[in-house]
Amino acid sequence: AGGRNTSQSLQSNKYIVFFPRSQQNRCITFMRDHLMM
């Protein structure tokens, strides 16, 4: 969620890598907002 730094990447990237042990809440929020979980 880096504003202008990542706005295009969320539309264009095929893969997004997270590290669930250190950013659990970020992963959950992303999956809720972008995967509609």
Full PDB file with SEQRES, HELIX, SHEET, SSBOND, CRYST1, ORIGX, SCALE, CONECT and MASTER records, all heavy atoms in Angstrom:
SEQRES   1 A   37  ALA GLY GLY ARG ASN THR SER GLN SER LEU GLN SER ASN          
SEQRES   2 A   37  LYS TYR ILE VAL PHE PHE PRO ARG SER GLN GLN ASN ARG          
SEQRES   3 A   37  CYS ILE THR PHE MET ARG ASP HIS LEU MET MET                  
HELIX    1 AA1 GLY A    3  ASN A    5  5                                   3    
HELIX    2 AA2 SER A    7  SER A   12  1                                   6    
HELIX    3 AA3 GLN A   24  HIS A   34  1                                  11    
CRYST1    1.000    1.000    1.000  90.00  90.00  90.00 P 1           1          
ORIGX1      1.000000  0.000000  0.000000        0.00000                         
ORIGX2      0.000000  1.000000  0.000000        0.00000                         
ORIGX3      0.000000  0.000000  1.000000        0.00000                         
SCALE1      1.000000  0.000000  0.000000        0.00000                         
SCALE2      0.000000  1.000000  0.000000        0.00000                         
SCALE3      0.000000  0.000000  1.000000        0.00000                         
ATOM      1  N   ALA A   1       0.846  -1.197   0.000  1.00  0.00           N  
ATOM      2  CA  ALA A   1       0.000   0.000   0.000  1.00  0.00           C  
ATOM      3  C   ALA A   1       0.876   1.240   0.000  1.00  0.00           C  
ATOM      4  O   ALA A   1       0.779   2.094   0.874  1.00  0.00           O  
ATOM      5  CB  ALA A   1      -0.930  -0.014   1.219  1.00  0.00           C  
ATOM      6  N   GLY A   2       1.752   1.329  -0.999  1.00  0.00           N  
ATOM      7  CA  GLY A   2       2.724   2.406  -1.056  1.00  0.00           C  
ATOM      8  C   GLY A   2       2.302   3.582  -1.901  1.00  0.00           C  
ATOM      9  O   GLY A   2       3.147   4.317  -2.407  1.00  0.00           O  
ATOM     10  N   GLY A   3       1.003   3.783  -2.080  1.00  0.00           N  
ATOM     11  CA  GLY A   3       0.524   4.917  -2.848  1.00  0.00           C  
ATOM     12  C   GLY A   3       1.004   4.865  -4.285  1.00  0.00           C  
ATOM     13  O   GLY A   3       0.874   3.857  -4.976  1.00  0.00           O  
ATOM     14  N   ARG A   4       1.610   5.957  -4.746  1.00  0.00           N  
ATOM     15  CA  ARG A   4       2.074   6.051  -6.129  1.00  0.00           C  
ATOM     16  C   ARG A   4       3.163   5.022  -6.424  1.00  0.00           C  
ATOM     17  O   ARG A   4       3.344   4.619  -7.566  1.00  0.00           O  
ATOM     18  CB  ARG A   4       2.591   7.458  -6.396  1.00  0.00           C  
ATOM     19  CG  ARG A   4       1.503   8.511  -6.412  1.00  0.00           C  
ATOM     20  CD  ARG A   4       2.073   9.899  -6.275  1.00  0.00           C  
ATOM     21  NE  ARG A   4       3.050  10.181  -7.320  1.00  0.00           N  
ATOM     22  CZ  ARG A   4       3.799  11.280  -7.345  1.00  0.00           C  
ATOM     23  NH1 ARG A   4       3.678  12.174  -6.371  1.00  0.00           N  
ATOM     24  NH2 ARG A   4       4.669  11.476  -8.331  1.00  0.00           N  
ATOM     25  N   ASN A   5       3.902   4.590  -5.397  1.00  0.00           N  
ATOM     26  CA  ASN A   5       4.995   3.640  -5.620  1.00  0.00           C  
ATOM     27  C   ASN A   5       4.492   2.271  -6.055  1.00  0.00           C  
ATOM     28  O   ASN A   5       5.212   1.528  -6.723  1.00  0.00           O  
ATOM     29  CB  ASN A   5       5.820   3.455  -4.338  1.00  0.00           C  
ATOM     30  CG  ASN A   5       6.379   4.753  -3.822  1.00  0.00           C  
ATOM     31  OD1 ASN A   5       6.665   5.666  -4.601  1.00  0.00           O  
ATOM     32  ND2 ASN A   5       6.544   4.852  -2.521  1.00  0.00           N  
ATOM     33  N   THR A   6       3.275   1.912  -5.658  1.00  0.00           N  
ATOM     34  CA  THR A   6       2.791   0.553  -5.904  1.00  0.00           C  
ATOM     35  C   THR A   6       1.452   0.491  -6.628  1.00  0.00           C  
ATOM     36  O   THR A   6       0.945  -0.593  -6.874  1.00  0.00           O  
ATOM     37  CB  THR A   6       2.640  -0.203  -4.560  1.00  0.00           C  
ATOM     38  OG1 THR A   6       1.746   0.527  -3.707  1.00  0.00           O  
ATOM     39  CG2 THR A   6       3.992  -0.346  -3.866  1.00  0.00           C  
ATOM     40  N   SER A   7       0.864   1.652  -6.963  1.00  0.00           N  
ATOM     41  CA  SER A   7      -0.477   1.641  -7.556  1.00  0.00           C  
ATOM     42  C   SER A   7      -0.518   0.849  -8.857  1.00  0.00           C  
ATOM     43  O   SER A   7      -1.432   0.055  -9.093  1.00  0.00           O  
ATOM     44  CB  SER A   7      -0.960   3.077  -7.794  1.00  0.00           C  
ATOM     45  OG  SER A   7      -0.045   3.773  -8.636  1.00  0.00           O  
ATOM     46  N   GLN A   8       0.460   1.054  -9.727  1.00  0.00           N  
ATOM     47  CA  GLN A   8       0.481   0.331 -10.999  1.00  0.00           C  
ATOM     48  C   GLN A   8       0.817  -1.141 -10.792  1.00  0.00           C  
ATOM     49  O   GLN A   8       0.306  -2.014 -11.484  1.00  0.00           O  
ATOM     50  CB  GLN A   8       1.503   0.972 -11.941  1.00  0.00           C  
ATOM     51  CG  GLN A   8       1.608   0.290 -13.295  1.00  0.00           C  
ATOM     52  CD  GLN A   8       0.338   0.419 -14.122  1.00  0.00           C  
ATOM     53  OE1 GLN A   8      -0.291   1.475 -14.125  1.00  0.00           O  
ATOM     54  NE2 GLN A   8      -0.047  -0.642 -14.812  1.00  0.00           N  
ATOM     55  N   SER A   9       1.675  -1.428  -9.796  1.00  0.00           N  
ATOM     56  CA  SER A   9       2.125  -2.805  -9.603  1.00  0.00           C  
ATOM     57  C   SER A   9       0.984  -3.722  -9.187  1.00  0.00           C  
ATOM     58  O   SER A   9       0.953  -4.896  -9.564  1.00  0.00           O  
ATOM     59  CB  SER A   9       3.254  -2.861  -8.573  1.00  0.00           C  
ATOM     60  OG  SER A   9       2.815  -2.408  -7.309  1.00  0.00           O  
ATOM     61  N   LEU A  10       0.039  -3.217  -8.411  1.00  0.00           N  
ATOM     62  CA  LEU A  10      -1.081  -4.056  -8.000  1.00  0.00           C  
ATOM     63  C   LEU A  10      -1.948  -4.439  -9.196  1.00  0.00           C  
ATOM     64  O   LEU A  10      -2.596  -5.481  -9.191  1.00  0.00           O  
ATOM     65  CB  LEU A  10      -1.923  -3.333  -6.946  1.00  0.00           C  
ATOM     66  CG  LEU A  10      -1.264  -3.183  -5.560  1.00  0.00           C  
ATOM     67  CD1 LEU A  10      -2.179  -2.415  -4.629  1.00  0.00           C  
ATOM     68  CD2 LEU A  10      -0.928  -4.546  -4.966  1.00  0.00           C  
ATOM     69  N   GLN A  11      -1.953  -3.613 -10.229  1.00  0.00           N  
ATOM     70  CA  GLN A  11      -2.730  -3.928 -11.430  1.00  0.00           C  
ATOM     71  C   GLN A  11      -1.953  -4.816 -12.396  1.00  0.00           C  
ATOM     72  O   GLN A  11      -2.546  -5.609 -13.126  1.00  0.00           O  
ATOM     73  CB  GLN A  11      -3.105  -2.632 -12.154  1.00  0.00           C  
ATOM     74  CG  GLN A  11      -3.914  -1.652 -11.334  1.00  0.00           C  
ATOM     75  CD  GLN A  11      -4.109  -0.333 -12.056  1.00  0.00           C  
ATOM     76  OE1 GLN A  11      -4.354  -0.305 -13.257  1.00  0.00           O  
ATOM     77  NE2 GLN A  11      -3.996   0.769 -11.342  1.00  0.00           N  
ATOM     78  N   SER A  12      -0.629  -4.682 -12.401  1.00  0.00           N  
ATOM     79  CA  SER A  12       0.174  -5.318 -13.448  1.00  0.00           C  
ATOM     80  C   SER A  12       0.943  -6.549 -13.000  1.00  0.00           C  
ATOM     81  O   SER A  12       1.283  -7.400 -13.834  1.00  0.00           O  
ATOM     82  CB  SER A  12       1.167  -4.298 -14.026  1.00  0.00           C  
ATOM     83  OG  SER A  12       0.497  -3.171 -14.536  1.00  0.00           O  
ATOM     84  N   ASN A  13       1.282  -6.647 -11.729  1.00  0.00           N  
ATOM     85  CA  ASN A  13       2.105  -7.766 -11.274  1.00  0.00           C  
ATOM     86  C   ASN A  13       1.327  -9.073 -11.288  1.00  0.00           C  
ATOM     87  O   ASN A  13       0.174  -9.139 -10.871  1.00  0.00           O  
ATOM     88  CB  ASN A  13       2.625  -7.524  -9.856  1.00  0.00           C  
ATOM     89  CG  ASN A  13       3.892  -6.694  -9.858  1.00  0.00           C  
ATOM     90  OD1 ASN A  13       4.561  -6.560 -10.873  1.00  0.00           O  
ATOM     91  ND2 ASN A  13       4.233  -6.145  -8.716  1.00  0.00           N  
ATOM     92  N   LYS A  14       1.999 -10.107 -11.743  1.00  0.00           N  
ATOM     93  CA  LYS A  14       1.378 -11.429 -11.725  1.00  0.00           C  
ATOM     94  C   LYS A  14       1.497 -12.070 -10.350  1.00  0.00           C  
ATOM     95  O   LYS A  14       0.613 -12.814  -9.925  1.00  0.00           O  
ATOM     96  CB  LYS A  14       2.045 -12.325 -12.774  1.00  0.00           C  
ATOM     97  CG  LYS A  14       1.380 -13.694 -12.909  1.00  0.00           C  
ATOM     98  CD  LYS A  14       1.989 -14.499 -14.053  1.00  0.00           C  
ATOM     99  CE  LYS A  14       1.280 -15.840 -14.214  1.00  0.00           C  
ATOM    100  NZ  LYS A  14       1.851 -16.632 -15.337  1.00  0.00           N  
ATOM    101  N   TYR A  15       2.607 -11.804  -9.663  1.00  0.00           N  
ATOM    102  CA  TYR A  15       2.851 -12.414  -8.357  1.00  0.00           C  
ATOM    103  C   TYR A  15       3.151 -11.345  -7.306  1.00  0.00           C  
ATOM    104  O   TYR A  15       3.842 -10.373  -7.591  1.00  0.00           O  
ATOM    105  CB  TYR A  15       4.047 -13.369  -8.415  1.00  0.00           C  
ATOM    106  CG  TYR A  15       3.934 -14.474  -9.433  1.00  0.00           C  
ATOM    107  CD1 TYR A  15       4.627 -14.422 -10.627  1.00  0.00           C  
ATOM    108  CD2 TYR A  15       3.109 -15.577  -9.197  1.00  0.00           C  
ATOM    109  CE1 TYR A  15       4.523 -15.433 -11.573  1.00  0.00           C  
ATOM    110  CE2 TYR A  15       3.002 -16.591 -10.135  1.00  0.00           C  
ATOM    111  CZ  TYR A  15       3.703 -16.518 -11.318  1.00  0.00           C  
ATOM    112  OH  TYR A  15       3.599 -17.525 -12.252  1.00  0.00           O  
ATOM    113  N   ILE A  16       2.634 -11.559  -6.110  1.00  0.00           N  
ATOM    114  CA  ILE A  16       2.964 -10.711  -4.960  1.00  0.00           C  
ATOM    115  C   ILE A  16       3.395 -11.624  -3.828  1.00  0.00           C  
ATOM    116  O   ILE A  16       2.663 -12.538  -3.441  1.00  0.00           O  
ATOM    117  CB  ILE A  16       1.777  -9.828  -4.535  1.00  0.00           C  
ATOM    118  CG1 ILE A  16       1.367  -8.918  -5.703  1.00  0.00           C  
ATOM    119  CG2 ILE A  16       2.143  -9.000  -3.311  1.00  0.00           C  
ATOM    120  CD1 ILE A  16       0.217  -8.000  -5.384  1.00  0.00           C  
ATOM    121  N   VAL A  17       4.596 -11.390  -3.313  1.00  0.00           N  
ATOM    122  CA  VAL A  17       5.169 -12.242  -2.270  1.00  0.00           C  
ATOM    123  C   VAL A  17       5.066 -11.536  -0.921  1.00  0.00           C  
ATOM    124  O   VAL A  17       5.442 -10.363  -0.787  1.00  0.00           O  
ATOM    125  CB  VAL A  17       6.649 -12.566  -2.579  1.00  0.00           C  
ATOM    126  CG1 VAL A  17       7.259 -13.399  -1.452  1.00  0.00           C  
ATOM    127  CG2 VAL A  17       6.759 -13.298  -3.911  1.00  0.00           C  
ATOM    128  N   PHE A  18       4.568 -12.258   0.068  1.00  0.00           N  
ATOM    129  CA  PHE A  18       4.486 -11.772   1.441  1.00  0.00           C  
ATOM    130  C   PHE A  18       5.281 -12.700   2.356  1.00  0.00           C  
ATOM    131  O   PHE A  18       5.636 -13.823   1.971  1.00  0.00           O  
ATOM    132  CB  PHE A  18       3.033 -11.731   1.923  1.00  0.00           C  
ATOM    133  CG  PHE A  18       2.177 -10.671   1.291  1.00  0.00           C  
ATOM    134  CD1 PHE A  18       1.259 -10.996   0.301  1.00  0.00           C  
ATOM    135  CD2 PHE A  18       2.284  -9.350   1.692  1.00  0.00           C  
ATOM    136  CE1 PHE A  18       0.463 -10.027  -0.281  1.00  0.00           C  
ATOM    137  CE2 PHE A  18       1.488  -8.363   1.120  1.00  0.00           C  
ATOM    138  CZ  PHE A  18       0.574  -8.701   0.130  1.00  0.00           C  
ATOM    139  N   PHE A  19       5.504 -12.237   3.584  1.00  0.00           N  
ATOM    140  CA  PHE A  19       6.192 -13.025   4.598  1.00  0.00           C  
ATOM    141  C   PHE A  19       5.255 -13.140   5.804  1.00  0.00           C  
ATOM    142  O   PHE A  19       5.237 -12.274   6.676  1.00  0.00           O  
ATOM    143  CB  PHE A  19       7.533 -12.367   4.967  1.00  0.00           C  
ATOM    144  CG  PHE A  19       8.493 -12.333   3.805  1.00  0.00           C  
ATOM    145  CD1 PHE A  19       8.393 -11.344   2.846  1.00  0.00           C  
ATOM    146  CD2 PHE A  19       9.450 -13.323   3.654  1.00  0.00           C  
ATOM    147  CE1 PHE A  19       9.240 -11.324   1.753  1.00  0.00           C  
ATOM    148  CE2 PHE A  19      10.309 -13.319   2.569  1.00  0.00           C  
ATOM    149  CZ  PHE A  19      10.207 -12.321   1.615  1.00  0.00           C  
ATOM    150  N   PRO A  20       4.447 -14.204   5.846  1.00  0.00           N  
ATOM    151  CA  PRO A  20       3.335 -14.279   6.794  1.00  0.00           C  
ATOM    152  C   PRO A  20       3.737 -14.288   8.260  1.00  0.00           C  
ATOM    153  O   PRO A  20       2.929 -13.945   9.123  1.00  0.00           O  
ATOM    154  CB  PRO A  20       2.626 -15.581   6.402  1.00  0.00           C  
ATOM    155  CG  PRO A  20       3.666 -16.397   5.704  1.00  0.00           C  
ATOM    156  CD  PRO A  20       4.520 -15.402   4.992  1.00  0.00           C  
ATOM    157  N   ARG A  21       4.971 -14.682   8.576  1.00  0.00           N  
ATOM    158  CA  ARG A  21       5.376 -14.711   9.979  1.00  0.00           C  
ATOM    159  C   ARG A  21       5.636 -13.319  10.535  1.00  0.00           C  
ATOM    160  O   ARG A  21       5.530 -13.109  11.743  1.00  0.00           O  
ATOM    161  CB  ARG A  21       6.628 -15.578  10.144  1.00  0.00           C  
ATOM    162  CG  ARG A  21       6.399 -17.040   9.789  1.00  0.00           C  
ATOM    163  CD  ARG A  21       7.675 -17.847   9.861  1.00  0.00           C  
ATOM    164  NE  ARG A  21       7.470 -19.213   9.374  1.00  0.00           N  
ATOM    165  CZ  ARG A  21       8.437 -20.106   9.209  1.00  0.00           C  
ATOM    166  NH1 ARG A  21       9.694 -19.786   9.500  1.00  0.00           N  
ATOM    167  NH2 ARG A  21       8.152 -21.323   8.759  1.00  0.00           N  
ATOM    168  N   SER A  22       5.975 -12.373   9.668  1.00  0.00           N  
ATOM    169  CA  SER A  22       6.321 -11.040  10.150  1.00  0.00           C  
ATOM    170  C   SER A  22       5.290  -9.982   9.775  1.00  0.00           C  
ATOM    171  O   SER A  22       5.393  -8.844  10.238  1.00  0.00           O  
ATOM    172  CB  SER A  22       7.694 -10.619   9.596  1.00  0.00           C  
ATOM    173  OG  SER A  22       7.666 -10.569   8.182  1.00  0.00           O  
ATOM    174  N   GLN A  23       4.320 -10.323   8.940  1.00  0.00           N  
ATOM    175  CA  GLN A  23       3.322  -9.325   8.525  1.00  0.00           C  
ATOM    176  C   GLN A  23       1.935  -9.967   8.371  1.00  0.00           C  
ATOM    177  O   GLN A  23       1.264  -9.792   7.361  1.00  0.00           O  
ATOM    178  CB  GLN A  23       3.754  -8.635   7.228  1.00  0.00           C  
ATOM    179  CG  GLN A  23       4.132  -9.580   6.107  1.00  0.00           C  
ATOM    180  CD  GLN A  23       4.526  -8.881   4.823  1.00  0.00           C  
ATOM    181  OE1 GLN A  23       4.910  -9.509   3.875  1.00  0.00           O  
ATOM    182  NE2 GLN A  23       4.433  -7.577   4.751  1.00  0.00           N  
ATOM    183  N   GLN A  24       1.521 -10.684   9.416  1.00  0.00           N  
ATOM    184  CA  GLN A  24       0.276 -11.434   9.356  1.00  0.00           C  
ATOM    185  C   GLN A  24      -0.917 -10.533   9.055  1.00  0.00           C  
ATOM    186  O   GLN A  24      -1.741 -10.839   8.187  1.00  0.00           O  
ATOM    187  CB  GLN A  24       0.062 -12.187  10.670  1.00  0.00           C  
ATOM    188  CG  GLN A  24      -1.161 -13.078  10.657  1.00  0.00           C  
ATOM    189  CD  GLN A  24      -1.289 -13.908  11.928  1.00  0.00           C  
ATOM    190  OE1 GLN A  24      -2.282 -13.836  12.629  1.00  0.00           O  
ATOM    191  NE2 GLN A  24      -0.259 -14.686  12.222  1.00  0.00           N  
ATOM    192  N   ASN A  25      -1.016  -9.409   9.737  1.00  0.00           N  
ATOM    193  CA  ASN A  25      -2.178  -8.532   9.541  1.00  0.00           C  
ATOM    194  C   ASN A  25      -2.204  -7.938   8.138  1.00  0.00           C  
ATOM    195  O   ASN A  25      -3.272  -7.775   7.541  1.00  0.00           O  
ATOM    196  CB  ASN A  25      -2.192  -7.418  10.589  1.00  0.00           C  
ATOM    197  CG  ASN A  25      -2.510  -7.940  11.975  1.00  0.00           C  
ATOM    198  OD1 ASN A  25      -3.162  -8.980  12.117  1.00  0.00           O  
ATOM    199  ND2 ASN A  25      -2.065  -7.245  12.998  1.00  0.00           N  
ATOM    200  N   ARG A  26      -1.038  -7.606   7.607  1.00  0.00           N  
ATOM    201  CA  ARG A  26      -0.957  -7.081   6.246  1.00  0.00           C  
ATOM    202  C   ARG A  26      -1.466  -8.114   5.235  1.00  0.00           C  
ATOM    203  O   ARG A  26      -2.179  -7.784   4.290  1.00  0.00           O  
ATOM    204  CB  ARG A  26       0.483  -6.704   5.913  1.00  0.00           C  
ATOM    205  CG  ARG A  26       0.926  -5.360   6.444  1.00  0.00           C  
ATOM    206  CD  ARG A  26       0.395  -4.244   5.568  1.00  0.00           C  
ATOM    207  NE  ARG A  26       0.886  -2.951   6.007  1.00  0.00           N  
ATOM    208  CZ  ARG A  26       0.561  -1.804   5.436  1.00  0.00           C  
ATOM    209  NH1 ARG A  26      -0.266  -1.804   4.406  1.00  0.00           N  
ATOM    210  NH2 ARG A  26       1.022  -0.666   5.880  1.00  0.00           N  
ATOM    211  N   CYS A  27      -1.066  -9.357   5.426  1.00  0.00           N  
ATOM    212  CA  CYS A  27      -1.509 -10.425   4.522  1.00  0.00           C  
ATOM    213  C   CYS A  27      -3.028 -10.579   4.568  1.00  0.00           C  
ATOM    214  O   CYS A  27      -3.684 -10.703   3.524  1.00  0.00           O  
ATOM    215  CB  CYS A  27      -0.849 -11.748   4.898  1.00  0.00           C  
ATOM    216  SG  CYS A  27       0.938 -11.789   4.703  1.00  0.00           S  
ATOM    217  N   ILE A  28      -3.569 -10.575   5.768  1.00  0.00           N  
ATOM    218  CA  ILE A  28      -5.016 -10.747   5.936  1.00  0.00           C  
ATOM    219  C   ILE A  28      -5.767  -9.599   5.265  1.00  0.00           C  
ATOM    220  O   ILE A  28      -6.759  -9.819   4.549  1.00  0.00           O  
ATOM    221  CB  ILE A  28      -5.376 -10.841   7.434  1.00  0.00           C  
ATOM    222  CG1 ILE A  28      -4.791 -12.127   8.031  1.00  0.00           C  
ATOM    223  CG2 ILE A  28      -6.883 -10.784   7.627  1.00  0.00           C  
ATOM    224  CD1 ILE A  28      -4.885 -12.189   9.543  1.00  0.00           C  
ATOM    225  N   THR A  29      -5.287  -8.374   5.474  1.00  0.00           N  
ATOM    226  CA  THR A  29      -5.943  -7.207   4.883  1.00  0.00           C  
ATOM    227  C   THR A  29      -5.901  -7.265   3.361  1.00  0.00           C  
ATOM    228  O   THR A  29      -6.886  -6.961   2.678  1.00  0.00           O  
ATOM    229  CB  THR A  29      -5.274  -5.916   5.377  1.00  0.00           C  
ATOM    230  OG1 THR A  29      -5.359  -5.847   6.808  1.00  0.00           O  
ATOM    231  CG2 THR A  29      -5.953  -4.688   4.786  1.00  0.00           C  
ATOM    232  N   PHE A  30      -4.755  -7.653   2.822  1.00  0.00           N  
ATOM    233  CA  PHE A  30      -4.631  -7.749   1.365  1.00  0.00           C  
ATOM    234  C   PHE A  30      -5.594  -8.790   0.814  1.00  0.00           C  
ATOM    235  O   PHE A  30      -6.274  -8.549  -0.189  1.00  0.00           O  
ATOM    236  CB  PHE A  30      -3.192  -8.117   0.983  1.00  0.00           C  
ATOM    237  CG  PHE A  30      -2.978  -8.205  -0.500  1.00  0.00           C  
ATOM    238  CD1 PHE A  30      -2.591  -7.088  -1.222  1.00  0.00           C  
ATOM    239  CD2 PHE A  30      -3.175  -9.403  -1.188  1.00  0.00           C  
ATOM    240  CE1 PHE A  30      -2.407  -7.156  -2.604  1.00  0.00           C  
ATOM    241  CE2 PHE A  30      -2.997  -9.485  -2.554  1.00  0.00           C  
ATOM    242  CZ  PHE A  30      -2.606  -8.357  -3.265  1.00  0.00           C  
ATOM    243  N   MET A  31      -5.662  -9.934   1.442  1.00  0.00           N  
ATOM    244  CA  MET A  31      -6.532 -11.002   0.956  1.00  0.00           C  
ATOM    245  C   MET A  31      -8.002 -10.609   1.075  1.00  0.00           C  
ATOM    246  O   MET A  31      -8.821 -10.977   0.231  1.00  0.00           O  
ATOM    247  CB  MET A  31      -6.227 -12.292   1.713  1.00  0.00           C  
ATOM    248  CG  MET A  31      -4.835 -12.837   1.385  1.00  0.00           C  
ATOM    249  SD  MET A  31      -4.161 -13.983   2.618  1.00  0.00           S  
ATOM    250  CE  MET A  31      -5.205 -15.407   2.346  1.00  0.00           C  
ATOM    251  N   ARG A  32      -8.338  -9.847   2.101  1.00  0.00           N  
ATOM    252  CA  ARG A  32      -9.709  -9.359   2.243  1.00  0.00           C  
ATOM    253  C   ARG A  32     -10.048  -8.355   1.137  1.00  0.00           C  
ATOM    254  O   ARG A  32     -11.103  -8.437   0.501  1.00  0.00           O  
ATOM    255  CB  ARG A  32      -9.878  -8.687   3.609  1.00  0.00           C  
ATOM    256  CG  ARG A  32     -11.285  -8.120   3.862  1.00  0.00           C  
ATOM    257  CD  ARG A  32     -11.263  -7.120   4.999  1.00  0.00           C  
ATOM    258  NE  ARG A  32     -10.491  -5.925   4.654  1.00  0.00           N  
ATOM    259  CZ  ARG A  32     -10.167  -4.982   5.527  1.00  0.00           C  
ATOM    260  NH1 ARG A  32     -10.509  -5.095   6.802  1.00  0.00           N  
ATOM    261  NH2 ARG A  32      -9.476  -3.913   5.126  1.00  0.00           N  
ATOM    262  N   ASP A  33      -9.135  -7.412   0.888  1.00  0.00           N  
ATOM    263  CA  ASP A  33      -9.421  -6.318  -0.040  1.00  0.00           C  
ATOM    264  C   ASP A  33      -9.270  -6.703  -1.511  1.00  0.00           C  
ATOM    265  O   ASP A  33     -10.007  -6.193  -2.361  1.00  0.00           O  
ATOM    266  CB  ASP A  33      -8.494  -5.130   0.256  1.00  0.00           C  
ATOM    267  CG  ASP A  33      -8.755  -4.529   1.628  1.00  0.00           C  
ATOM    268  OD1 ASP A  33      -9.828  -4.778   2.204  1.00  0.00           O  
ATOM    269  OD2 ASP A  33      -7.867  -3.797   2.119  1.00  0.00           O  
ATOM    270  N   HIS A  34      -8.325  -7.608  -1.817  1.00  0.00           N  
ATOM    271  CA  HIS A  34      -8.026  -7.881  -3.223  1.00  0.00           C  
ATOM    272  C   HIS A  34      -8.444  -9.275  -3.688  1.00  0.00           C  
ATOM    273  O   HIS A  34      -8.593  -9.501  -4.885  1.00  0.00           O  
ATOM    274  CB  HIS A  34      -6.524  -7.684  -3.471  1.00  0.00           C  
ATOM    275  CG  HIS A  34      -6.075  -6.269  -3.240  1.00  0.00           C  
ATOM    276  ND1 HIS A  34      -6.201  -5.284  -4.189  1.00  0.00           N  
ATOM    277  CD2 HIS A  34      -5.521  -5.668  -2.153  1.00  0.00           C  
ATOM    278  CE1 HIS A  34      -5.726  -4.145  -3.708  1.00  0.00           C  
ATOM    279  NE2 HIS A  34      -5.316  -4.353  -2.478  1.00  0.00           N  
ATOM    280  N   LEU A  35      -8.643 -10.203  -2.743  1.00  0.00           N  
ATOM    281  CA  LEU A  35      -9.126 -11.527  -3.099  1.00  0.00           C  
ATOM    282  C   LEU A  35     -10.553 -11.753  -2.626  1.00  0.00           C  
ATOM    283  O   LEU A  35     -11.115 -12.837  -2.810  1.00  0.00           O  
ATOM    284  CB  LEU A  35      -8.208 -12.612  -2.511  1.00  0.00           C  
ATOM    285  CG  LEU A  35      -6.727 -12.562  -2.922  1.00  0.00           C  
ATOM    286  CD1 LEU A  35      -5.971 -13.745  -2.319  1.00  0.00           C  
ATOM    287  CD2 LEU A  35      -6.577 -12.552  -4.433  1.00  0.00           C  
ATOM    288  N   MET A  36     -11.123 -10.738  -1.987  1.00  0.00           N  
ATOM    289  CA  MET A  36     -12.508 -10.764  -1.515  1.00  0.00           C  
ATOM    290  C   MET A  36     -12.781 -11.913  -0.551  1.00  0.00           C  
ATOM    291  O   MET A  36     -13.839 -12.531  -0.569  1.00  0.00           O  
ATOM    292  CB  MET A  36     -13.491 -10.824  -2.707  1.00  0.00           C  
ATOM    293  CG  MET A  36     -13.286  -9.719  -3.707  1.00  0.00           C  
ATOM    294  SD  MET A  36     -13.354  -8.086  -2.936  1.00  0.00           S  
ATOM    295  CE  MET A  36     -12.533  -7.066  -4.170  1.00  0.00           C  
ATOM    296  N   MET A  37     -11.806 -12.204   0.306  1.00  0.00           N  
ATOM    297  CA  MET A  37     -11.969 -13.263   1.300  1.00  0.00           C  
ATOM    298  C   MET A  37     -12.575 -12.707   2.585  1.00  0.00           C  
ATOM    299  O   MET A  37     -12.396 -11.535   2.921  1.00  0.00           O  
ATOM    300  CB  MET A  37     -10.608 -13.879   1.653  1.00  0.00           C  
ATOM    301  CG  MET A  37     -10.046 -14.811   0.629  1.00  0.00           C  
ATOM    302  SD  MET A  37      -8.579 -15.646   1.303  1.00  0.00           S  
ATOM    303  CE  MET A  37      -8.189 -16.728  -0.061  1.00  0.00           C  
TER     304      MET A  37                                                      
MASTER        0    0    0    3    0    0    0    6  303    1    0    3          
END                                                                             
